[in-house]
Amino acid sequence: MARRLLSIGGSGFVSGTLARHAVAAGWDVTIVSRGQRSLPAGVTALQADRKDLAAFATAISDCDDFDLVVDCIGYDPQDAVQDIEQFRHRTKRFVFVSTDFVFDPAHRKFPQSEESDHYLADSYGGKKRQCEQIFLDSDCGTMEWTVVRPCHIYGPGSLLGCLPTHGRDRDLIDRMRKEEPLKLVGGGHFLQQPILAGDLADLMLSLADCEDAAGRIFQAAGPDIVESKAFYEIIADLLGVGLQVEEIPVGEYLRDHPASAPFLCHRIYDLSRLGAVGATVPATPLVRGLASHVESILNKA
């Protein structure tokens, strides 16, 4: 009998990739979404807005228990509370998708471990950290939870770009083909470890079988540590064009865009803890992953 996965969210970039990989791997996949966008083939769709707590509870009430539940869209602390209330006795393993933006960029270490004395208290990363803390502090019944913190996620289904001012830039390929200078903060010299969405999906599915991952938080990043500028250099090589860069001073940009601070730091991680618990460690080389990403965009043009 196929194992059962419930994905909270299924029409987005990460959630859709998870659903497609799970179906391909033989999982019986159910998705809860608002039903506003098309869903991957082969899934069972449940329609509910998670912010409508009663409607969400009703939508899943007739479902059998699940082997794995993944919350791909949780952001507010109330979302984590809802996850625990609804699934604490309905799944063996629960995975919450957090972010590597939980860390205070002024106090990062290199590499940054899963633990820190310095987390953000507000903004996107701060809210994700509040969700993590709810899992850490709550009685989760028989549900074993795991949190993953992805670095920059790329791959088919998303726009290209990893750094202001060209993060997920709809026009990036056109700009690069015209050899327009890309305005990169700090010249694109910040280190990071982009993770292919498909690798993240496979990692999350593998956690269903990792007993030692229960109650733990893991960094989720790709195998290659590169300067952000190198991310764009790879794309330029794939397009057969030269890369032109116009450097924006970091201090100048942060003065006008203080919320961008989590992007403007080195984001590098040791993934040994994932391997130690038997999880599928992300392994797709950045060059190969970006090739598939660029190809997917060109094929839609």
Protein backbone atom coordinates (compact mmCIF):
# COMPACT_ATOMS: atom_id res chain seq x y z
CA MET A 1 0.00 0.00 0.00
CA ALA A 2 1.31 3.44 -0.93
CA ARG A 3 2.34 5.73 1.88
CA ARG A 4 0.16 8.77 2.41
CA LEU A 5 1.39 12.37 2.22
CA LEU A 6 -0.59 15.50 3.01
CA SER A 7 0.85 18.77 1.74
CA ILE A 8 -0.48 22.03 3.12
CA GLY A 9 -0.18 24.06 -0.04
CA GLY A 10 0.33 22.37 -3.39
CA SER A 11 0.07 24.90 -6.19
CA GLY A 12 3.15 26.93 -5.30
CA PHE A 13 6.79 26.52 -6.21
CA VAL A 14 8.02 24.41 -3.29
CA SER A 15 4.72 22.69 -2.57
CA GLY A 16 4.11 21.83 -6.22
CA THR A 17 7.60 20.41 -6.58
CA LEU A 18 7.08 18.33 -3.45
CA ALA A 19 3.79 16.97 -4.77
CA ARG A 20 5.26 16.03 -8.15
CA HIS A 21 8.26 14.29 -6.61
CA ALA A 22 6.05 12.43 -4.15
CA VAL A 23 3.68 11.21 -6.89
CA ALA A 24 6.67 10.08 -8.97
CA ALA A 25 8.01 8.19 -5.94
CA GLY A 26 4.72 6.31 -5.49
CA TRP A 27 3.19 8.28 -2.62
CA ASP A 28 -0.55 8.74 -2.28
CA VAL A 29 -0.65 12.56 -2.22
CA THR A 30 -3.38 14.79 -0.82
CA ILE A 31 -3.16 18.56 -1.05
CA VAL A 32 -5.01 21.21 0.93
CA SER A 33 -5.12 24.53 -0.89
CA ARG A 34 -7.45 27.41 -1.62
CA GLY A 35 -8.07 25.94 -5.06
CA GLN A 36 -7.14 29.12 -6.90
CA ARG A 37 -4.44 27.58 -9.10
CA SER A 38 -4.02 24.29 -10.91
CA LEU A 39 -2.47 21.41 -8.99
CA PRO A 40 0.02 18.75 -10.06
CA ALA A 41 -1.38 15.66 -11.76
CA GLY A 42 -2.10 12.58 -9.69
CA VAL A 43 -3.03 14.27 -6.40
CA THR A 44 -6.21 14.34 -4.35
CA ALA A 45 -7.33 17.93 -3.86
CA LEU A 46 -9.01 19.35 -0.77
CA GLN A 47 -10.14 22.97 -0.95
CA ALA A 48 -9.84 25.16 2.13
CA ASP A 49 -8.16 28.38 3.18
CA ARG A 50 -5.96 27.47 6.15
CA LYS A 51 -6.73 30.85 7.69
CA ASP A 52 -10.34 29.68 8.03
CA LEU A 53 -9.61 27.29 10.89
CA ALA A 54 -13.03 25.63 10.88
CA ALA A 55 -13.02 25.09 7.12
CA PHE A 56 -9.52 23.64 7.25
CA ALA A 57 -10.50 21.20 10.02
CA THR A 58 -13.59 20.16 8.10
CA ALA A 59 -11.62 19.62 4.88
CA ILE A 60 -9.30 17.06 6.47
CA SER A 61 -11.82 15.51 8.87
CA ASP A 62 -12.73 12.56 6.64
CA CYS A 63 -9.14 11.74 5.67
CA ASP A 64 -7.34 8.70 6.99
CA ASP A 65 -4.18 9.32 8.97
CA PHE A 66 -1.04 10.24 7.07
CA ASP A 67 2.50 8.89 7.09
CA LEU A 68 3.86 12.37 6.49
CA VAL A 69 2.42 15.89 6.61
CA VAL A 70 4.40 18.83 5.23
CA ASP A 71 3.48 22.45 5.85
CA CYS A 72 4.99 24.29 2.89
CA ILE A 73 3.26 27.62 3.51
CA GLY A 74 3.19 28.16 7.29
CA TYR A 75 4.29 31.66 8.24
CA ASP A 76 2.29 33.06 11.14
CA PRO A 77 2.69 31.54 14.62
CA GLN A 78 -0.99 30.63 14.47
CA ASP A 79 -0.17 28.35 11.53
CA ALA A 80 2.15 26.30 13.74
CA VAL A 81 -0.49 26.15 16.46
CA GLN A 82 -2.98 24.92 13.88
CA ASP A 83 -0.52 22.28 12.62
CA ILE A 84 -0.12 20.84 16.09
CA GLU A 85 -3.82 20.94 16.94
CA GLN A 86 -4.87 19.23 13.73
CA PHE A 87 -2.12 16.63 13.31
CA ARG A 88 -0.73 15.81 16.76
CA HIS A 89 -2.42 12.42 16.61
CA ARG A 90 -2.94 12.08 12.85
CA THR A 91 0.54 11.63 11.45
CA LYS A 92 3.77 9.96 12.45
CA ARG A 93 6.03 12.66 10.99
CA PHE A 94 5.38 16.34 10.40
CA VAL A 95 7.76 18.61 8.48
CA PHE A 96 7.56 22.39 8.77
CA VAL A 97 9.32 24.46 6.10
CA SER A 98 11.07 27.36 7.81
CA THR A 99 13.88 29.51 6.36
CA ASP A 100 17.53 30.30 6.87
CA PHE A 101 16.45 33.92 7.34
CA VAL A 102 15.70 33.14 11.00
CA PHE A 103 19.24 34.19 11.92
CA ASP A 104 20.25 37.73 12.81
CA PRO A 105 22.58 38.56 9.90
CA ALA A 106 24.86 40.62 12.16
CA HIS A 107 25.72 37.58 14.29
CA ARG A 108 26.12 34.74 11.80
CA LYS A 109 28.93 32.20 11.99
CA PHE A 110 30.69 30.54 9.07
CA PRO A 111 29.45 27.95 8.65
CA GLN A 112 26.28 28.68 10.62
CA SER A 113 25.11 25.77 12.76
CA GLU A 114 21.48 25.02 13.52
CA GLU A 115 21.78 26.70 16.92
CA SER A 116 22.25 30.39 17.57
CA ASP A 117 21.88 32.90 20.38
CA HIS A 118 20.83 35.50 17.84
CA TYR A 119 17.56 35.11 15.94
CA LEU A 120 15.44 37.75 14.26
CA ALA A 121 12.40 38.80 16.28
CA ASP A 122 10.25 40.19 13.49
CA SER A 123 9.92 40.26 9.70
CA TYR A 124 9.66 37.08 7.61
CA GLY A 125 12.53 35.30 9.35
CA GLY A 126 11.35 36.36 12.79
CA LYS A 127 7.87 34.96 12.21
CA LYS A 128 9.29 31.69 10.95
CA ARG A 129 11.43 31.49 14.10
CA GLN A 130 8.31 32.04 16.21
CA CYS A 131 6.73 29.07 14.43
CA GLU A 132 9.81 26.96 15.18
CA GLN A 133 9.60 27.92 18.85
CA ILE A 134 5.99 26.80 19.04
CA PHE A 135 7.00 23.32 17.91
CA LEU A 136 9.87 23.31 20.40
CA ASP A 137 7.61 24.35 23.30
CA SER A 138 4.43 22.37 22.57
CA ASP A 139 3.04 18.96 23.43
CA CYS A 140 2.79 17.40 19.98
CA GLY A 141 1.23 14.11 21.07
CA THR A 142 2.34 11.18 18.95
CA MET A 143 3.38 13.44 16.08
CA GLU A 144 7.14 13.64 15.53
CA TRP A 145 8.05 16.97 13.98
CA THR A 146 11.07 18.13 12.03
CA VAL A 147 11.88 21.63 10.79
CA VAL A 148 13.92 22.37 7.66
CA ARG A 149 15.50 25.75 6.95
CA PRO A 150 16.18 26.13 3.23
CA CYS A 151 18.70 28.57 1.85
CA HIS A 152 17.82 30.22 -1.50
CA ILE A 153 15.53 27.79 -3.35
CA TYR A 154 15.76 27.68 -7.13
CA GLY A 155 14.62 25.42 -9.94
CA PRO A 156 11.85 24.92 -12.51
CA GLY A 157 8.65 26.60 -11.41
CA SER A 158 10.33 29.72 -10.02
CA LEU A 159 11.73 32.94 -11.39
CA LEU A 160 15.51 33.32 -11.61
CA GLY A 161 17.67 35.45 -9.37
CA CYS A 162 19.19 35.22 -5.91
CA LEU A 163 20.23 38.68 -4.76
CA PRO A 164 18.80 42.20 -4.70
CA THR A 165 18.11 43.92 -7.01
CA HIS A 166 17.59 40.94 -9.31
CA GLY A 167 16.08 38.42 -6.91
CA ARG A 168 13.48 36.35 -8.76
CA ASP A 169 13.59 38.80 -11.65
CA ARG A 170 10.99 38.07 -14.32
CA ASP A 171 13.09 39.87 -16.91
CA LEU A 172 16.48 38.50 -15.90
CA ILE A 173 17.13 36.40 -19.00
CA ASP A 174 16.16 39.26 -21.32
CA ARG A 175 18.43 41.64 -19.41
CA MET A 176 21.34 39.22 -19.60
CA ARG A 177 20.85 38.49 -23.29
CA LYS A 178 21.05 42.23 -23.92
CA GLU A 179 24.15 42.27 -21.69
CA GLU A 180 22.63 44.97 -19.54
CA PRO A 181 24.60 45.44 -16.31
CA LEU A 182 23.06 43.63 -13.35
CA LYS A 183 22.95 45.85 -10.28
CA LEU A 184 24.24 43.55 -7.55
CA VAL A 185 24.51 44.69 -3.96
CA GLY A 186 28.09 44.32 -2.79
CA GLY A 187 29.02 43.25 -6.29
CA GLY A 188 27.44 39.86 -5.59
CA HIS A 189 30.28 38.74 -3.32
CA PHE A 190 28.12 37.26 -0.56
CA LEU A 191 28.48 33.49 -0.20
CA GLN A 192 25.46 31.23 -0.24
CA GLN A 193 24.36 27.63 -0.87
CA PRO A 194 21.34 27.58 -3.20
CA ILE A 195 19.21 24.43 -2.99
CA LEU A 196 17.36 22.93 -5.95
CA ALA A 197 13.65 22.62 -5.16
CA GLY A 198 13.68 18.99 -6.26
CA ASP A 199 16.46 18.21 -3.80
CA LEU A 200 14.49 19.91 -1.03
CA ALA A 201 11.44 17.82 -1.93
CA ASP A 202 13.43 14.59 -1.83
CA LEU A 203 14.98 15.61 1.49
CA MET A 204 11.57 16.22 3.05
CA LEU A 205 10.17 12.92 1.79
CA SER A 206 13.19 11.08 3.19
CA LEU A 207 12.55 12.50 6.66
CA ALA A 208 9.52 10.20 6.97
CA ASP A 209 11.98 7.36 7.58
CA CYS A 210 14.46 9.19 9.82
CA GLU A 211 13.69 8.31 13.43
CA ASP A 212 16.59 10.44 14.69
CA ALA A 213 15.18 13.53 12.97
CA ALA A 214 12.28 13.80 15.40
CA GLY A 215 12.15 17.07 17.30
CA ARG A 216 15.08 18.55 15.42
CA ILE A 217 15.82 21.49 13.14
CA PHE A 218 18.07 21.16 10.09
CA GLN A 219 19.68 23.56 7.67
CA ALA A 220 18.71 22.66 4.10
CA ALA A 221 21.16 23.87 1.46
CA GLY A 222 22.77 22.70 -1.73
CA PRO A 223 26.23 21.11 -2.08
CA ASP A 224 27.97 24.15 -3.61
CA ILE A 225 29.09 27.26 -1.73
CA VAL A 226 29.39 30.09 -4.23
CA GLU A 227 29.46 33.85 -4.40
CA SER A 228 26.10 35.20 -5.47
CA LYS A 229 27.86 36.68 -8.48
CA ALA A 230 28.82 33.14 -9.54
CA PHE A 231 25.11 32.24 -9.60
CA TYR A 232 24.66 34.84 -12.35
CA GLU A 233 27.90 33.86 -14.07
CA ILE A 234 26.61 30.32 -14.48
CA ILE A 235 23.40 31.65 -16.03
CA ALA A 236 25.39 33.88 -18.37
CA ASP A 237 27.48 30.90 -19.50
CA LEU A 238 24.32 28.88 -20.12
CA LEU A 239 22.95 31.73 -22.25
CA GLY A 240 26.26 32.21 -24.05
CA VAL A 241 26.58 35.86 -23.04
CA GLY A 242 28.96 37.95 -20.97
CA LEU A 243 28.03 39.03 -17.47
CA GLN A 244 28.07 42.73 -16.76
CA VAL A 245 27.87 43.80 -13.10
CA GLU A 246 27.29 47.21 -11.58
CA GLU A 247 28.11 47.16 -7.88
CA ILE A 248 25.71 48.79 -5.43
CA PRO A 249 27.39 49.65 -2.11
CA VAL A 250 26.02 47.54 0.71
CA GLY A 251 25.64 50.40 3.18
CA GLU A 252 23.85 52.56 0.65
CA TYR A 253 21.38 49.80 -0.20
CA LEU A 254 20.72 48.86 3.42
CA ARG A 255 20.05 52.47 4.30
CA ASP A 256 17.18 52.49 1.83
CA HIS A 257 16.15 48.83 2.20
CA PRO A 258 16.83 47.71 5.80
CA ALA A 259 14.53 44.69 5.44
CA SER A 260 16.99 43.22 2.91
CA ALA A 261 19.68 42.65 5.57
CA PRO A 262 19.08 38.85 5.75
CA PHE A 263 20.03 38.60 2.04
CA LEU A 264 23.20 40.63 2.43
CA CYS A 265 25.42 38.31 4.42
CA HIS A 266 27.24 35.02 3.94
CA ARG A 267 24.74 32.15 4.12
CA ILE A 268 26.80 28.95 4.39
CA TYR A 269 26.05 25.76 6.28
CA ASP A 270 27.39 22.39 7.37
CA LEU A 271 24.96 19.66 6.24
CA SER A 272 26.57 16.84 8.21
CA ARG A 273 23.64 16.59 10.62
CA LEU A 274 21.30 15.70 7.79
CA GLY A 275 23.56 12.89 6.70
CA ALA A 276 23.98 11.66 10.26
CA VAL A 277 20.23 11.00 10.64
CA GLY A 278 19.98 9.22 7.29
CA ALA A 279 18.19 11.97 5.37
CA THR A 280 18.69 12.47 1.64
CA VAL A 281 21.32 15.20 1.57
CA PRO A 282 20.92 17.69 -1.32
CA ALA A 283 23.51 16.82 -3.94
CA THR A 284 22.60 18.37 -7.30
CA PRO A 285 25.51 20.57 -8.47
CA LEU A 286 24.50 24.20 -8.93
CA VAL A 287 25.56 24.19 -12.60
CA ARG A 288 23.29 21.25 -13.37
CA GLY A 289 20.39 22.61 -11.35
CA LEU A 290 20.59 26.03 -12.97
CA ALA A 291 20.75 24.42 -16.40
CA SER A 292 17.40 22.76 -15.74
CA HIS A 293 16.01 26.01 -14.36
CA VAL A 294 17.09 28.10 -17.34
CA GLU A 295 15.85 25.46 -19.77
CA SER A 296 12.42 25.41 -18.12
CA ILE A 297 12.08 29.18 -18.56
CA LEU A 298 13.28 29.17 -22.15
CA ASN A 299 10.85 26.39 -23.02
CA LYS A 300 7.97 28.55 -21.79
CA ALA A 301 9.05 31.57 -23.82
